[in-house]
Amino acid sequence: MWGAKLKSVGPGRGVWVEAIEQAFGEPLEWQELPGKKATRIVVYSFGVDPSDEAQHDGQHAWMLTKMDRFHAVFANRVKLLASASARDGGDCDSASVE
């Protein structure tokens, strides 16, 4: 759904991604998925050891914070995109969500 919009080669793409990253509060990694309409959007935590139980509380807190941010940044955008897509007959590619 988002992929086609994000993969479009146009001058507005950078501004669109920049606005999302600004709302998120840090850079995101945008992974194109060749052959798909989707784009994977991720943020990573480095310098942690998932097998170290002493770090689990901090890791879980980090994950919860990031999930809350993803929801805050994307929930309304996805709803608007879905509404625009339905209005345009299911064509997510033509929907515009700022």
Protein backbone atom coordinates (compact mmCIF):
# COMPACT_ATOMS: atom_id res chain seq x y z
CA MET A 1 0.00 0.00 0.00
CA TRP A 2 2.66 2.52 1.04
CA GLY A 3 5.29 1.02 -1.18
CA ALA A 4 3.97 2.28 -4.48
CA LYS A 5 3.70 5.80 -3.09
CA LEU A 6 7.17 5.70 -1.55
CA LYS A 7 8.76 4.07 -4.58
CA SER A 8 7.46 6.75 -6.92
CA VAL A 9 10.28 8.69 -8.46
CA GLY A 10 9.27 12.26 -7.99
CA PRO A 11 10.48 15.40 -6.30
CA GLY A 12 7.89 14.98 -3.52
CA ARG A 13 9.16 11.63 -2.26
CA GLY A 14 11.99 13.07 -0.19
CA VAL A 15 9.72 15.64 1.42
CA TRP A 16 7.15 12.95 2.23
CA VAL A 17 9.72 10.63 3.83
CA GLU A 18 11.35 13.57 5.60
CA ALA A 19 8.02 14.60 7.15
CA ILE A 20 7.44 11.06 8.43
CA GLU A 21 10.95 10.82 9.90
CA GLN A 22 10.57 14.22 11.54
CA ALA A 23 7.29 13.12 13.11
CA PHE A 24 8.92 9.85 14.22
CA GLY A 25 11.83 11.73 15.78
CA GLU A 26 14.70 9.89 14.12
CA PRO A 27 15.75 8.48 10.76
CA LEU A 28 14.05 5.31 9.58
CA GLU A 29 15.39 2.69 7.22
CA TRP A 30 13.21 2.40 4.11
CA GLN A 31 13.74 -1.02 2.53
CA GLU A 32 12.34 -1.45 -0.96
CA LEU A 33 10.94 -4.90 -1.64
CA PRO A 34 11.49 -5.63 -5.34
CA GLY A 35 8.44 -7.04 -7.04
CA LYS A 36 6.16 -5.88 -4.22
CA LYS A 37 3.98 -2.81 -3.74
CA ALA A 38 5.19 -2.62 -0.13
CA THR A 39 8.18 -0.96 1.49
CA ARG A 40 9.55 -2.19 4.82
CA ILE A 41 10.11 0.66 7.28
CA VAL A 42 12.36 -0.19 10.21
CA VAL A 43 14.40 1.22 13.06
CA TYR A 44 17.14 -0.79 14.73
CA SER A 45 18.69 -0.92 18.17
CA PHE A 46 22.42 -1.62 18.12
CA GLY A 47 24.74 -2.68 20.90
CA VAL A 48 22.28 -4.98 22.62
CA ASP A 49 22.39 -8.72 23.17
CA PRO A 50 18.96 -10.39 22.95
CA SER A 51 20.33 -13.41 24.81
CA ASP A 52 21.36 -11.29 27.82
CA GLU A 53 18.40 -11.47 30.19
CA ALA A 54 19.75 -8.52 32.17
CA GLN A 55 19.04 -6.32 29.10
CA HIS A 56 15.49 -7.58 28.52
CA ASP A 57 13.70 -4.84 30.48
CA GLY A 58 15.54 -2.15 28.54
CA GLN A 59 14.99 -3.92 25.23
CA HIS A 60 11.28 -4.30 25.90
CA ALA A 61 10.99 -0.64 26.89
CA TRP A 62 12.80 0.36 23.67
CA MET A 63 10.48 -1.82 21.55
CA LEU A 64 7.36 -0.43 23.24
CA THR A 65 8.53 3.14 22.71
CA LYS A 66 9.21 2.50 19.01
CA MET A 67 5.88 0.68 18.51
CA ASP A 68 4.06 3.62 20.11
CA ARG A 69 5.90 6.04 17.79
CA PHE A 70 5.12 3.93 14.69
CA HIS A 71 1.45 3.92 15.68
CA ALA A 72 1.40 7.66 16.37
CA VAL A 73 3.09 8.48 13.05
CA PHE A 74 1.42 5.97 10.75
CA ALA A 75 -2.09 5.17 12.08
CA ASN A 76 -3.84 8.26 10.70
CA ARG A 77 -1.77 8.25 7.52
CA VAL A 78 -2.78 4.65 6.80
CA LYS A 79 -6.45 5.44 7.51
CA LEU A 80 -6.34 8.43 5.18
CA LEU A 81 -4.54 6.43 2.52
CA ALA A 82 -7.12 3.63 2.79
CA SER A 83 -9.95 6.19 2.52
CA ALA A 84 -8.36 7.82 -0.51
CA SER A 85 -7.81 4.42 -2.07
CA ALA A 86 -11.44 3.42 -1.56
CA ARG A 87 -12.58 6.75 -2.98
CA ASP A 88 -10.32 6.26 -6.02
CA GLY A 89 -11.57 2.73 -6.65
CA GLY A 90 -8.81 0.85 -4.84
CA ASP A 91 -5.89 2.61 -6.49
CA CYS A 92 -3.49 3.18 -3.58
CA ASP A 93 -0.88 4.48 -5.98
CA SER A 94 -2.89 7.61 -6.71
CA ALA A 95 -3.62 8.40 -3.06
CA SER A 96 -1.75 11.26 -1.44
CA VAL A 97 -1.26 11.49 2.29
CA GLU A 98 0.92 14.12 3.91
